[in-house]
PDB file of N, CA and C in Angstrom:
ATOM      1  N   MET A   1      71.519  40.554  57.114  1.00  0.00           N
ATOM      2  CA  MET A   1      71.396  40.098  58.680  1.00  0.00           C
ATOM      3  C   MET A   1      71.814  38.840  58.544  1.00  0.00           C
ATOM      4  N   ASN A   2      73.184  38.786  59.550  1.00  0.00           N
ATOM      5  CA  ASN A   2      73.837  37.465  59.571  1.00  0.00           C
ATOM      6  C   ASN A   2      72.774  36.453  60.296  1.00  0.00           C
ATOM      7  N   HIS A   3      73.449  35.243  60.531  1.00  0.00           N
ATOM      8  CA  HIS A   3      72.966  33.678  60.649  1.00  0.00           C
ATOM      9  C   HIS A   3      72.151  33.898  62.196  1.00  0.00           C
ATOM     10  N   ALA A   4      72.503  34.774  63.015  1.00  0.00           N
ATOM     11  CA  ALA A   4      72.197  34.832  64.739  1.00  0.00           C
ATOM     12  C   ALA A   4      70.597  35.921  64.587  1.00  0.00           C
ATOM     13  N   ALA A   5      71.495  36.669  63.687  1.00  0.00           N
ATOM     14  CA  ALA A   5      69.706  37.760  63.787  1.00  0.00           C
ATOM     15  C   ALA A   5      68.958  37.011  63.066  1.00  0.00           C
ATOM     16  N   GLU A   6      68.796  35.704  61.949  1.00  0.00           N
ATOM     17  CA  GLU A   6      67.869  35.506  61.666  1.00  0.00           C
ATOM     18  C   GLU A   6      67.268  34.373  62.516  1.00  0.00           C
ATOM     19  N   VAL A   7      68.230  33.893  63.595  1.00  0.00           N
ATOM     20  CA  VAL A   7      67.816  32.732  63.839  1.00  0.00           C
ATOM     21  C   VAL A   7      66.652  33.288  64.872  1.00  0.00           C
ATOM     22  N   TRP A   8      67.158  34.715  65.438  1.00  0.00           N
ATOM     23  CA  TRP A   8      66.608  35.918  66.683  1.00  0.00           C
ATOM     24  C   TRP A   8      65.402  35.960  66.392  1.00  0.00           C
ATOM     25  N   THR A   9      65.147  36.068  64.944  1.00  0.00           N
ATOM     26  CA  THR A   9      63.964  36.903  64.433  1.00  0.00           C
ATOM     27  C   THR A   9      62.626  35.680  64.696  1.00  0.00           C
ATOM     28  N   VAL A  10      63.135  34.354  63.786  1.00  0.00           N
ATOM     29  CA  VAL A  10      62.313  33.895  63.262  1.00  0.00           C
ATOM     30  C   VAL A  10      62.012  33.293  65.134  1.00  0.00           C
ATOM     31  N   ILE A  11      62.831  33.128  66.603  1.00  0.00           N
ATOM     32  CA  ILE A  11      62.637  32.752  67.758  1.00  0.00           C
ATOM     33  C   ILE A  11      61.623  34.087  68.448  1.00  0.00           C
ATOM     34  N   LEU A  12      61.691  35.405  67.456  1.00  0.00           N
ATOM     35  CA  LEU A  12      61.129  36.143  68.807  1.00  0.00           C
ATOM     36  C   LEU A  12      59.440  36.209  67.544  1.00  0.00           C
ATOM     37  N   ALA A  13      59.286  35.848  66.232  1.00  0.00           N
ATOM     38  CA  ALA A  13      57.748  36.382  65.656  1.00  0.00           C
ATOM     39  C   ALA A  13      57.104  34.740  66.398  1.00  0.00           C
ATOM     40  N   ALA A  14      57.804  33.502  66.665  1.00  0.00           N
ATOM     41  CA  ALA A  14      57.056  32.232  67.208  1.00  0.00           C
ATOM     42  C   ALA A  14      56.944  33.126  68.771  1.00  0.00           C
ATOM     43  N   LEU A  15      57.456  33.657  69.394  1.00  0.00           N
ATOM     44  CA  LEU A  15      56.682  34.344  70.763  1.00  0.00           C
ATOM     45  C   LEU A  15      55.707  35.231  70.381  1.00  0.00           C
ATOM     46  N   VAL A  16      56.005  35.890  69.707  1.00  0.00           N
ATOM     47  CA  VAL A  16      54.628  37.267  69.627  1.00  0.00           C
ATOM     48  C   VAL A  16      53.457  36.437  68.822  1.00  0.00           C
ATOM     49  N   LEU A  17      53.756  35.290  67.757  1.00  0.00           N
ATOM     50  CA  LEU A  17      52.516  35.069  67.182  1.00  0.00           C
ATOM     51  C   LEU A  17      51.726  33.258  68.502  1.00  0.00           C
ATOM     52  N   ALA A  18      52.918  33.560  68.726  1.00  0.00           N
ATOM     53  CA  ALA A  18      52.086  32.140  70.039  1.00  0.00           C
ATOM     54  C   ALA A  18      51.184  32.476  70.878  1.00  0.00           C
ATOM     55  N   ASN A  19      51.373  34.121  71.134  1.00  0.00           N
ATOM     56  CA  ASN A  19      50.322  34.629  72.365  1.00  0.00           C
ATOM     57  C   ASN A  19      49.178  35.759  71.365  1.00  0.00           C
ATOM     58  N   LEU A  20      49.223  35.428  70.661  1.00  0.00           N
ATOM     59  CA  LEU A  20      48.107  36.790  70.103  1.00  0.00           C
ATOM     60  C   LEU A  20      46.871  35.806  69.786  1.00  0.00           C
ATOM     61  N   PRO A  21      46.306  34.705  69.517  1.00  0.00           N
ATOM     62  CA  PRO A  21      45.359  34.163  69.346  1.00  0.00           C
ATOM     63  C   PRO A  21      44.548  34.149  71.251  1.00  0.00           C
ATOM     64  N   PHE A  22      45.693  34.604  72.367  1.00  0.00           N
ATOM     65  CA  PHE A  22      45.352  34.452  73.462  1.00  0.00           C
ATOM     66  C   PHE A  22      45.005  36.346  73.899  1.00  0.00           C
ATOM     67  N   VAL A  23      45.375  37.274  73.491  1.00  0.00           N
ATOM     68  CA  VAL A  23      45.350  38.589  73.718  1.00  0.00           C
ATOM     69  C   VAL A  23      44.557  39.395  72.905  1.00  0.00           C
ATOM     70  N   ASN A  24      43.606  38.611  71.629  1.00  0.00           N
ATOM     71  CA  ASN A  24      43.175  39.401  70.910  1.00  0.00           C
ATOM     72  C   ASN A  24      42.046  38.664  70.736  1.00  0.00           C
ATOM     73  N   GLU A  25      40.711  39.755  70.516  1.00  0.00           N
ATOM     74  CA  GLU A  25      39.406  38.819  70.511  1.00  0.00           C
ATOM     75  C   GLU A  25      38.706  38.826  68.731  1.00  0.00           C
ATOM     76  N   ARG A  26      40.149  39.033  68.160  1.00  0.00           N
ATOM     77  CA  ARG A  26      39.724  39.366  66.733  1.00  0.00           C
ATOM     78  C   ARG A  26      39.846  37.830  66.219  1.00  0.00           C
ATOM     79  N   LEU A  27      38.626  37.325  64.772  1.00  0.00           N
ATOM     80  CA  LEU A  27      39.460  36.167  64.139  1.00  0.00           C
ATOM     81  C   LEU A  27      40.613  36.571  63.088  1.00  0.00           C
ATOM     82  N   PHE A  28      41.256  35.364  63.427  1.00  0.00           N
ATOM     83  CA  PHE A  28      42.618  35.640  62.602  1.00  0.00           C
ATOM     84  C   PHE A  28      43.294  37.276  62.861  1.00  0.00           C
ATOM     85  N   ILE A  29      42.894  37.939  64.173  1.00  0.00           N
ATOM     86  CA  ILE A  29      43.927  38.992  64.116  1.00  0.00           C
ATOM     87  C   ILE A  29      43.306  40.373  63.122  1.00  0.00           C
ATOM     88  N   VAL A  30      42.633  40.202  62.105  1.00  0.00           N
ATOM     89  CA  VAL A  30      42.489  41.494  61.588  1.00  0.00           C
ATOM     90  C   VAL A  30      40.566  41.044  61.644  1.00  0.00           C
ATOM     91  N   GLY A  31      40.376  39.722  61.638  1.00  0.00           N
ATOM     92  CA  GLY A  31      38.745  39.452  61.370  1.00  0.00           C
ATOM     93  C   GLY A  31      38.077  40.337  62.226  1.00  0.00           C
ATOM     94  N   PRO A  32      36.146  39.961  61.777  1.00  0.00           N
ATOM     95  CA  PRO A  32      35.450  40.653  63.185  1.00  0.00           C
ATOM     96  C   PRO A  32      35.734  40.319  64.596  1.00  0.00           C
ATOM     97  N   ARG A  33      35.582  41.582  65.021  1.00  0.00           N
ATOM     98  CA  ARG A  33      35.862  41.344  66.168  1.00  0.00           C
ATOM     99  C   ARG A  33      34.684  40.500  67.382  1.00  0.00           C
ATOM    100  N   ARG A  34      35.274  39.662  68.217  1.00  0.00           N
ATOM    101  CA  ARG A  34      33.912  38.578  68.922  1.00  0.00           C
ATOM    102  C   ARG A  34      33.746  39.258  70.367  1.00  0.00           C
ATOM    103  N   ASP A  35      33.252  38.915  70.392  1.00  0.00           N
ATOM    104  CA  ASP A  35      32.792  38.959  72.159  1.00  0.00           C
ATOM    105  C   ASP A  35      33.094  38.284  72.862  1.00  0.00           C
ATOM    106  N   ASN A  36      32.931  37.211  72.618  1.00  0.00           N
ATOM    107  CA  ASN A  36      33.754  36.220  73.902  1.00  0.00           C
ATOM    108  C   ASN A  36      34.046  34.763  72.734  1.00  0.00           C
ATOM    109  N   LYS A  37      35.036  35.273  71.999  1.00  0.00           N
ATOM    110  CA  LYS A  37      36.132  33.825  71.524  1.00  0.00           C
ATOM    111  C   LYS A  37      36.658  32.446  71.699  1.00  0.00           C
ATOM    112  N   ALA A  38      36.494  31.448  71.310  1.00  0.00           N
ATOM    113  CA  ALA A  38      36.144  30.126  72.262  1.00  0.00           C
ATOM    114  C   ALA A  38      37.331  29.685  71.725  1.00  0.00           C
ATOM    115  N   LEU A  39      37.938  28.890  72.848  1.00  0.00           N
ATOM    116  CA  LEU A  39      39.157  28.107  72.955  1.00  0.00           C
ATOM    117  C   LEU A  39      38.866  27.450  71.358  1.00  0.00           C
ATOM    118  N   ALA A  40      38.138  27.272  70.841  1.00  0.00           N
ATOM    119  CA  ALA A  40      38.598  25.944  69.250  1.00  0.00           C
ATOM    120  C   ALA A  40      39.474  27.238  68.617  1.00  0.00           C
ATOM    121  N   TRP A  41      38.739  28.349  68.110  1.00  0.00           N
ATOM    122  CA  TRP A  41      38.998  29.243  67.683  1.00  0.00           C
ATOM    123  C   TRP A  41      40.194  29.984  68.233  1.00  0.00           C
ATOM    124  N   ARG A  42      41.074  29.599  68.875  1.00  0.00           N
ATOM    125  CA  ARG A  42      41.756  30.056  69.679  1.00  0.00           C
ATOM    126  C   ARG A  42      42.978  29.605  69.055  1.00  0.00           C
ATOM    127  N   LEU A  43      42.479  27.731  69.675  1.00  0.00           N
ATOM    128  CA  LEU A  43      43.130  26.950  68.595  1.00  0.00           C
ATOM    129  C   LEU A  43      43.640  26.492  67.749  1.00  0.00           C
ATOM    130  N   LEU A  44      42.255  26.996  66.955  1.00  0.00           N
ATOM    131  CA  LEU A  44      42.787  27.172  65.463  1.00  0.00           C
ATOM    132  C   LEU A  44      44.156  28.297  64.586  1.00  0.00           C
ATOM    133  N   GLU A  45      43.791  29.206  65.075  1.00  0.00           N
ATOM    134  CA  GLU A  45      44.450  30.482  64.970  1.00  0.00           C
ATOM    135  C   GLU A  45      46.303  30.000  65.300  1.00  0.00           C
ATOM    136  N   LEU A  46      45.887  29.819  66.776  1.00  0.00           N
ATOM    137  CA  LEU A  46      47.541  28.796  67.376  1.00  0.00           C
ATOM    138  C   LEU A  46      48.175  27.928  65.807  1.00  0.00           C
ATOM    139  N   LEU A  47      47.981  27.062  65.517  1.00  0.00           N
ATOM    140  CA  LEU A  47      47.842  26.129  64.492  1.00  0.00           C
ATOM    141  C   LEU A  47      48.327  26.543  63.117  1.00  0.00           C
ATOM    142  N   ILE A  48      47.288  27.545  63.185  1.00  0.00           N
ATOM    143  CA  ILE A  48      47.638  28.227  61.741  1.00  0.00           C
ATOM    144  C   ILE A  48      48.966  29.696  61.889  1.00  0.00           C
ATOM    145  N   LEU A  49      49.422  30.001  62.988  1.00  0.00           N
ATOM    146  CA  LEU A  49      50.580  30.607  63.491  1.00  0.00           C
ATOM    147  C   LEU A  49      51.115  29.883  63.474  1.00  0.00           C
ATOM    148  N   PHE A  50      51.339  28.576  63.659  1.00  0.00           N
ATOM    149  CA  PHE A  50      52.741  27.906  63.717  1.00  0.00           C
ATOM    150  C   PHE A  50      52.919  27.755  62.262  1.00  0.00           C
ATOM    151  N   GLY A  51      52.283  27.552  60.965  1.00  0.00           N
ATOM    152  CA  GLY A  51      52.488  27.422  59.584  1.00  0.00           C
ATOM    153  C   GLY A  51      52.985  28.499  59.560  1.00  0.00           C
ATOM    154  N   VAL A  52      52.552  29.907  60.354  1.00  0.00           N
ATOM    155  CA  VAL A  52      53.206  31.268  59.631  1.00  0.00           C
ATOM    156  C   VAL A  52      54.656  31.359  60.097  1.00  0.00           C
ATOM    157  N   VAL A  53      54.841  30.685  61.555  1.00  0.00           N
ATOM    158  CA  VAL A  53      55.981  31.066  61.992  1.00  0.00           C
ATOM    159  C   VAL A  53      57.500  29.667  61.255  1.00  0.00           C
ATOM    160  N   LEU A  54      56.798  28.963  60.762  1.00  0.00           N
ATOM    161  CA  LEU A  54      57.314  27.978  60.068  1.00  0.00           C
ATOM    162  C   LEU A  54      57.799  28.302  58.491  1.00  0.00           C
ATOM    163  N   GLY A  55      56.842  28.815  57.776  1.00  0.00           N
ATOM    164  CA  GLY A  55      56.631  29.850  56.231  1.00  0.00           C
ATOM    165  C   GLY A  55      57.907  30.736  56.784  1.00  0.00           C
ATOM    166  N   VAL A  56      58.590  31.290  57.585  1.00  0.00           N
ATOM    167  CA  VAL A  56      59.186  32.533  57.753  1.00  0.00           C
ATOM    168  C   VAL A  56      60.837  31.910  58.012  1.00  0.00           C
ATOM    169  N   GLY A  57      60.730  30.846  58.763  1.00  0.00           N
ATOM    170  CA  GLY A  57      62.072  30.100  59.364  1.00  0.00           C
ATOM    171  C   GLY A  57      62.320  29.306  57.627  1.00  0.00           C
ATOM    172  N   TRP A  58      61.376  28.665  56.727  1.00  0.00           N
ATOM    173  CA  TRP A  58      61.809  28.980  56.016  1.00  0.00           C
ATOM    174  C   TRP A  58      62.535  29.331  54.658  1.00  0.00           C
ATOM    175  N   LEU A  59      61.285  30.322  54.679  1.00  0.00           N
ATOM    176  CA  LEU A  59      61.981  31.606  53.963  1.00  0.00           C
ATOM    177  C   LEU A  59      63.599  31.971  54.262  1.00  0.00           C
ATOM    178  N   LEU A  60      63.707  32.367  55.406  1.00  0.00           N
ATOM    179  CA  LEU A  60      64.865  32.863  55.723  1.00  0.00           C
ATOM    180  C   LEU A  60      66.385  31.907  55.496  1.00  0.00           C
ATOM    181  N   GLU A  61      65.785  30.586  55.965  1.00  0.00           N
ATOM    182  CA  GLU A  61      66.966  29.874  56.008  1.00  0.00           C
ATOM    183  C   GLU A  61      66.913  29.508  53.812  1.00  0.00           C
ATOM    184  N   ASP A  62      66.146  29.698  53.220  1.00  0.00           N
ATOM    185  CA  ASP A  62      66.302  29.567  51.735  1.00  0.00           C
ATOM    186  C   ASP A  62      66.915  30.862  51.479  1.00  0.00           C
ATOM    187  N   ARG A  63      67.108  32.093  52.071  1.00  0.00           N
ATOM    188  CA  ARG A  63      67.962  33.105  52.156  1.00  0.00           C
ATOM    189  C   ARG A  63      69.067  32.739  52.102  1.00  0.00           C
ATOM    190  N   ILE A  64      69.609  31.811  53.206  1.00  0.00           N
ATOM    191  CA  ILE A  64      70.873  31.750  53.282  1.00  0.00           C
ATOM    192  C   ILE A  64      71.539  30.839  52.401  1.00  0.00           C
ATOM    193  N   GLY A  65      70.686  29.941  52.028  1.00  0.00           N
ATOM    194  CA  GLY A  65      71.389  28.640  51.298  1.00  0.00           C
ATOM    195  C   GLY A  65      70.254  27.578  50.650  1.00  0.00           C
ATOM    196  N   ARG A  66      70.467  26.254  51.042  1.00  0.00           N
ATOM    197  CA  ARG A  66      69.702  25.696  50.791  1.00  0.00           C
ATOM    198  C   ARG A  66      68.743  25.064  52.085  1.00  0.00           C
ATOM    199  N   ARG A  67      67.536  24.811  52.055  1.00  0.00           N
ATOM    200  CA  ARG A  67      66.875  24.192  53.013  1.00  0.00           C
ATOM    201  C   ARG A  67      66.968  22.738  53.191  1.00  0.00           C
ATOM    202  N   HIS A  68      67.613  22.834  54.516  1.00  0.00           N
ATOM    203  CA  HIS A  68      67.761  21.593  55.003  1.00  0.00           C
ATOM    204  C   HIS A  68      66.663  20.636  55.064  1.00  0.00           C
ATOM    205  N   ALA A  69      66.919  19.401  54.587  1.00  0.00           N
ATOM    206  CA  ALA A  69      65.346  18.699  55.159  1.00  0.00           C
ATOM    207  C   ALA A  69      64.882  18.485  56.329  1.00  0.00           C
ATOM    208  N   GLN A  70      64.351  18.069  56.943  1.00  0.00           N
ATOM    209  CA  GLN A  70      63.460  18.098  58.185  1.00  0.00           C
ATOM    210  C   GLN A  70      62.582  17.080  58.542  1.00  0.00           C
ATOM    211  N   GLY A  71      62.805  15.798  59.355  1.00  0.00           N
ATOM    212  CA  GLY A  71      62.043  14.802  59.754  1.00  0.00           C
ATOM    213  C   GLY A  71      61.250  15.021  60.834  1.00  0.00           C
ATOM    214  N   TRP A  72      60.202  14.142  60.734  1.00  0.00           N
ATOM    215  CA  TRP A  72      58.670  14.914  61.779  1.00  0.00           C
ATOM    216  C   TRP A  72      59.647  15.017  63.380  1.00  0.00           C
ATOM    217  N   GLN A  73      60.300  14.682  63.677  1.00  0.00           N
ATOM    218  CA  GLN A  73      61.206  14.561  65.140  1.00  0.00           C
ATOM    219  C   GLN A  73      60.940  16.332  65.261  1.00  0.00           C
ATOM    220  N   PHE A  74      61.339  17.180  64.122  1.00  0.00           N
ATOM    221  CA  PHE A  74      61.585  18.303  64.497  1.00  0.00           C
ATOM    222  C   PHE A  74      60.576  19.617  64.166  1.00  0.00           C
ATOM    223  N   TYR A  75      59.357  18.881  63.536  1.00  0.00           N
ATOM    224  CA  TYR A  75      58.398  19.803  63.421  1.00  0.00           C
ATOM    225  C   TYR A  75      57.585  18.987  65.146  1.00  0.00           C
ATOM    226  N   VAL A  76      57.801  18.182  65.781  1.00  0.00           N
ATOM    227  CA  VAL A  76      57.314  17.736  66.770  1.00  0.00           C
ATOM    228  C   VAL A  76      57.883  18.730  68.254  1.00  0.00           C
ATOM    229  N   THR A  77      58.957  18.481  67.998  1.00  0.00           N
ATOM    230  CA  THR A  77      59.665  19.900  68.518  1.00  0.00           C
ATOM    231  C   THR A  77      59.641  20.935  68.969  1.00  0.00           C
ATOM    232  N   MET A  78      59.395  21.478  67.072  1.00  0.00           N
ATOM    233  CA  MET A  78      59.199  22.950  66.930  1.00  0.00           C
ATOM    234  C   MET A  78      57.424  23.396  67.838  1.00  0.00           C
ATOM    235  N   GLY A  79      56.634  22.055  67.224  1.00  0.00           N
ATOM    236  CA  GLY A  79      55.586  22.513  67.596  1.00  0.00           C
ATOM    237  C   GLY A  79      55.089  22.441  69.208  1.00  0.00           C
ATOM    238  N   ALA A  80      56.134  21.748  70.198  1.00  0.00           N
ATOM    239  CA  ALA A  80      56.411  21.778  71.647  1.00  0.00           C
ATOM    240  C   ALA A  80      56.952  23.441  71.913  1.00  0.00           C
ATOM    241  N   LEU A  81      57.754  23.524  71.014  1.00  0.00           N
ATOM    242  CA  LEU A  81      58.380  24.965  71.456  1.00  0.00           C
ATOM    243  C   LEU A  81      57.796  26.065  71.447  1.00  0.00           C
ATOM    244  N   PHE A  82      56.874  25.959  69.998  1.00  0.00           N
ATOM    245  CA  PHE A  82      55.649  26.839  70.207  1.00  0.00           C
ATOM    246  C   PHE A  82      54.610  26.563  71.590  1.00  0.00           C
ATOM    247  N   LEU A  83      54.204  25.830  71.843  1.00  0.00           N
ATOM    248  CA  LEU A  83      53.477  25.876  72.565  1.00  0.00           C
ATOM    249  C   LEU A  83      53.459  26.295  74.043  1.00  0.00           C
ATOM    250  N   THR A  84      54.866  25.727  74.136  1.00  0.00           N
ATOM    251  CA  THR A  84      55.420  26.714  75.725  1.00  0.00           C
ATOM    252  C   THR A  84      55.559  28.132  75.375  1.00  0.00           C
ATOM    253  N   PHE A  85      56.002  28.496  73.557  1.00  0.00           N
ATOM    254  CA  PHE A  85      55.549  30.158  74.041  1.00  0.00           C
ATOM    255  C   PHE A  85      54.253  30.692  74.358  1.00  0.00           C
ATOM    256  N   ALA A  86      53.693  29.817  73.866  1.00  0.00           N
ATOM    257  CA  ALA A  86      52.564  30.299  74.108  1.00  0.00           C
ATOM    258  C   ALA A  86      51.564  30.182  74.929  1.00  0.00           C
ATOM    259  N   PHE A  87      52.197  29.572  75.974  1.00  0.00           N
ATOM    260  CA  PHE A  87      51.644  29.263  77.987  1.00  0.00           C
ATOM    261  C   PHE A  87      51.084  30.471  78.592  1.00  0.00           C
ATOM    262  N   PRO A  88      51.969  31.946  78.405  1.00  0.00           N
ATOM    263  CA  PRO A  88      52.080  32.702  78.775  1.00  0.00           C
ATOM    264  C   PRO A  88      50.525  34.129  78.626  1.00  0.00           C
ATOM    265  N   GLY A  89      50.230  33.339  77.575  1.00  0.00           N
ATOM    266  CA  GLY A  89      49.578  34.348  76.888  1.00  0.00           C
ATOM    267  C   GLY A  89      48.050  33.621  77.458  1.00  0.00           C
ATOM    268  N   PHE A  90      48.002  31.940  77.184  1.00  0.00           N
ATOM    269  CA  PHE A  90      47.074  30.918  77.775  1.00  0.00           C
ATOM    270  C   PHE A  90      46.812  31.441  79.606  1.00  0.00           C
ATOM    271  N   VAL A  91      47.816  31.473  80.365  1.00  0.00           N
ATOM    272  CA  VAL A  91      47.482  31.832  81.911  1.00  0.00           C
ATOM    273  C   VAL A  91      46.821  33.498  81.303  1.00  0.00           C
ATOM    274  N   TRP A  92      47.076  33.838  80.521  1.00  0.00           N
ATOM    275  CA  TRP A  92      46.451  35.682  80.838  1.00  0.00           C
ATOM    276  C   TRP A  92      45.101  35.364  80.421  1.00  0.00           C
ATOM    277  N   ARG A  93      44.927  34.783  79.820  1.00  0.00           N
ATOM    278  CA  ARG A  93      43.435  34.319  79.058  1.00  0.00           C
ATOM    279  C   ARG A  93      42.387  33.733  80.180  1.00  0.00           C
ATOM    280  N   TYR A  94      43.309  32.414  80.296  1.00  0.00           N
ATOM    281  CA  TYR A  94      42.046  31.558  81.129  1.00  0.00           C
ATOM    282  C   TYR A  94      42.809  31.449  82.890  1.00  0.00           C
ATOM    283  N   LEU A  95      43.939  31.110  83.735  1.00  0.00           N
ATOM    284  CA  LEU A  95      44.195  31.036  84.608  1.00  0.00           C
ATOM    285  C   LEU A  95      44.603  32.188  85.436  1.00  0.00           C
ATOM    286  N   ARG A  96      44.758  33.393  85.206  1.00  0.00           N
ATOM    287  CA  ARG A  96      44.842  34.183  85.750  1.00  0.00           C
ATOM    288  C   ARG A  96      43.678  34.728  87.140  1.00  0.00           C
ATOM    289  N   ARG A  97      44.047  34.937  88.477  1.00  0.00           N
ATOM    290  CA  ARG A  97      42.638  35.156  88.902  1.00  0.00           C
ATOM    291  C   ARG A  97      41.988  36.292  88.703  1.00  0.00           C
ATOM    292  N   GLY A  98      40.771  36.059  88.490  1.00  0.00           N
ATOM    293  CA  GLY A  98      39.624  37.125  88.615  1.00  0.00           C
ATOM    294  C   GLY A  98      39.492  37.011  87.090  1.00  0.00           C
ATOM    295  N   ALA A  99      39.791  35.996  86.676  1.00  0.00           N
ATOM    296  CA  ALA A  99      39.250  36.319  84.475  1.00  0.00           C
ATOM    297  C   ALA A  99      38.154  36.048  84.923  1.00  0.00           C
ATOM    298  N   ARG A 100      36.948  35.007  85.721  1.00  0.00           N
ATOM    299  CA  ARG A 100      35.825  35.016  85.503  1.00  0.00           C
ATOM    300  C   ARG A 100      34.669  36.119  86.367  1.00  0.00           C
ATOM    301  N   GLY A 101      35.258  37.254  86.895  1.00  0.00           N
ATOM    302  CA  GLY A 101      34.772  37.655  87.499  1.00  0.00           C
ATOM    303  C   GLY A 101      34.592  37.286  88.916  1.00  0.00           C
ATOM    304  N   THR A 102      35.835  36.717  89.541  1.00  0.00           N
ATOM    305  CA  THR A 102      35.241  35.228  90.652  1.00  0.00           C
ATOM    306  C   THR A 102      36.264  35.810  91.565  1.00  0.00           C
ATOM    307  N   ALA A 103      37.137  37.213  91.733  1.00  0.00           N
ATOM    308  CA  ALA A 103      38.106  38.110  92.339  1.00  0.00           C
ATOM    309  C   ALA A 103      37.879  37.683  94.111  1.00  0.00           C
ATOM    310  N   ALA A 104      36.773  38.578  93.835  1.00  0.00           N
ATOM    311  CA  ALA A 104      36.112  38.338  95.762  1.00  0.00           C
ATOM    312  C   ALA A 104      35.981  37.216  96.237  1.00  0.00           C
ATOM    313  N   ASP A 105      35.550  36.011  95.371  1.00  0.00           N
ATOM    314  CA  ASP A 105      35.395  34.860  95.917  1.00  0.00           C
ATOM    315  C   ASP A 105      37.147  33.943  96.760  1.00  0.00           C
ATOM    316  N   ALA A 106      37.947  34.584  96.273  1.00  0.00           N
ATOM    317  CA  ALA A 106      39.371  34.124  96.171  1.00  0.00           C
ATOM    318  C   ALA A 106      40.257  34.595  97.668  1.00  0.00           C
TER     319      ALA A 106
END
Protein backbone atom coordinates (compact mmCIF):
# COMPACT_ATOMS: atom_id res chain seq x y z
CA MET A 1 0.00 0.00 0.00
CA ASN A 2 1.47 3.36 -0.96
CA HIS A 3 1.41 6.46 1.24
CA ALA A 4 -1.57 8.08 -0.49
CA ALA A 5 -3.66 4.94 -0.01
CA GLU A 6 -2.75 4.85 3.68
CA VAL A 7 -3.79 8.47 4.14
CA TRP A 8 -7.11 7.84 2.39
CA THR A 9 -7.61 4.72 4.53
CA VAL A 10 -7.34 6.80 7.71
CA ILE A 11 -9.66 9.48 6.31
CA LEU A 12 -12.25 6.91 5.23
CA ALA A 13 -12.03 5.13 8.60
CA ALA A 14 -12.55 8.47 10.37
CA LEU A 15 -15.57 9.27 8.21
CA VAL A 16 -17.22 5.91 8.85
CA LEU A 17 -16.38 5.65 12.55
CA ALA A 18 -17.46 9.23 13.28
CA ASN A 19 -20.98 8.47 12.07
CA LEU A 20 -21.42 5.03 13.67
CA PRO A 21 -22.65 6.26 17.09
CA PHE A 22 -25.47 8.17 15.42
CA VAL A 23 -26.72 5.49 13.03
CA ASN A 24 -26.44 2.56 15.43
CA GLU A 25 -28.60 1.86 18.51
CA ARG A 26 -26.17 -0.68 19.99
CA LEU A 27 -23.68 0.25 22.68
CA PHE A 28 -20.19 0.41 21.20
CA ILE A 29 -21.42 -1.09 17.92
CA VAL A 30 -21.60 -4.68 19.22
CA GLY A 31 -23.18 -4.29 22.66
CA PRO A 32 -26.81 -4.72 23.66
CA ARG A 33 -29.42 -2.89 21.62
CA ARG A 34 -31.08 0.04 23.38
CA ASP A 35 -34.44 1.47 22.45
CA ASN A 36 -33.34 5.07 22.70
CA LYS A 37 -29.62 5.56 23.29
CA ALA A 38 -28.86 8.79 25.15
CA LEU A 39 -26.66 11.52 23.69
CA ALA A 40 -24.11 10.93 26.46
CA TRP A 41 -23.58 7.34 25.24
CA ARG A 42 -23.19 8.58 21.69
CA LEU A 43 -20.59 11.16 22.73
CA LEU A 44 -18.67 8.56 24.75
CA GLU A 45 -18.67 6.24 21.73
CA LEU A 46 -17.51 9.14 19.56
CA LEU A 47 -14.58 9.79 21.89
CA ILE A 48 -13.55 6.13 21.96
CA LEU A 49 -13.86 5.77 18.19
CA PHE A 50 -11.69 8.87 17.84
CA GLY A 51 -9.04 6.96 19.77
CA VAL A 52 -9.47 4.01 17.40
CA VAL A 53 -8.88 6.27 14.39
CA LEU A 54 -5.77 7.71 16.04
CA GLY A 55 -4.57 4.16 16.69
CA VAL A 56 -5.09 3.18 13.04
CA GLY A 57 -3.15 6.26 11.97
CA TRP A 58 -0.31 5.44 14.34
CA LEU A 59 -0.15 1.84 13.13
CA LEU A 60 0.01 2.90 9.50
CA GLU A 61 2.65 5.53 10.29
CA ASP A 62 4.71 2.94 12.17
CA ARG A 63 4.48 0.70 9.13
CA ILE A 64 5.96 3.44 6.97
CA GLY A 65 8.84 4.18 9.33
CA ARG A 66 9.32 6.23 12.46
CA ARG A 67 6.26 7.86 13.96
CA HIS A 68 6.48 11.65 14.05
CA ALA A 69 5.93 13.24 17.47
CA GLN A 70 2.84 15.46 17.47
CA GLY A 71 1.97 18.40 19.69
CA TRP A 72 -1.41 19.23 21.17
CA GLN A 73 -2.30 21.28 18.08
CA PHE A 74 -2.39 18.13 15.95
CA TYR A 75 -4.82 16.39 18.30
CA VAL A 76 -7.11 19.41 18.55
CA THR A 77 -7.18 19.73 14.77
CA MET A 78 -7.78 16.01 14.33
CA GLY A 79 -10.61 16.16 16.90
CA ALA A 80 -12.22 19.07 15.08
CA LEU A 81 -11.98 17.17 11.80
CA PHE A 82 -13.49 14.08 13.45
CA LEU A 83 -16.41 16.16 14.79
CA THR A 84 -16.89 17.64 11.32
CA PHE A 85 -17.03 14.13 9.89
CA ALA A 86 -19.65 13.24 12.55
CA PHE A 87 -21.96 16.08 11.50
CA PRO A 88 -23.97 14.10 8.88
CA GLY A 89 -24.77 11.39 11.42
CA PHE A 90 -25.74 13.99 14.04
CA VAL A 91 -28.03 15.73 11.56
CA TRP A 92 -29.58 12.43 10.53
CA ARG A 93 -30.23 11.47 14.17
CA TYR A 94 -31.29 14.76 15.75
CA LEU A 95 -31.97 17.53 13.23
CA ARG A 96 -33.78 15.92 10.32
CA ARG A 97 -37.40 16.89 9.81
CA GLY A 98 -39.78 14.52 11.53
CA ALA A 99 -37.16 12.92 13.77
CA ARG A 100 -39.52 13.07 16.76
CA GLY A 101 -42.75 12.40 14.90
CA THR A 102 -43.58 16.06 14.26
CA ALA A 103 -43.48 15.98 10.46
CA ALA A 104 -47.18 16.83 10.27
CA ASP A 105 -46.64 19.97 12.38
CA ALA A 106 -44.06 21.45 10.01
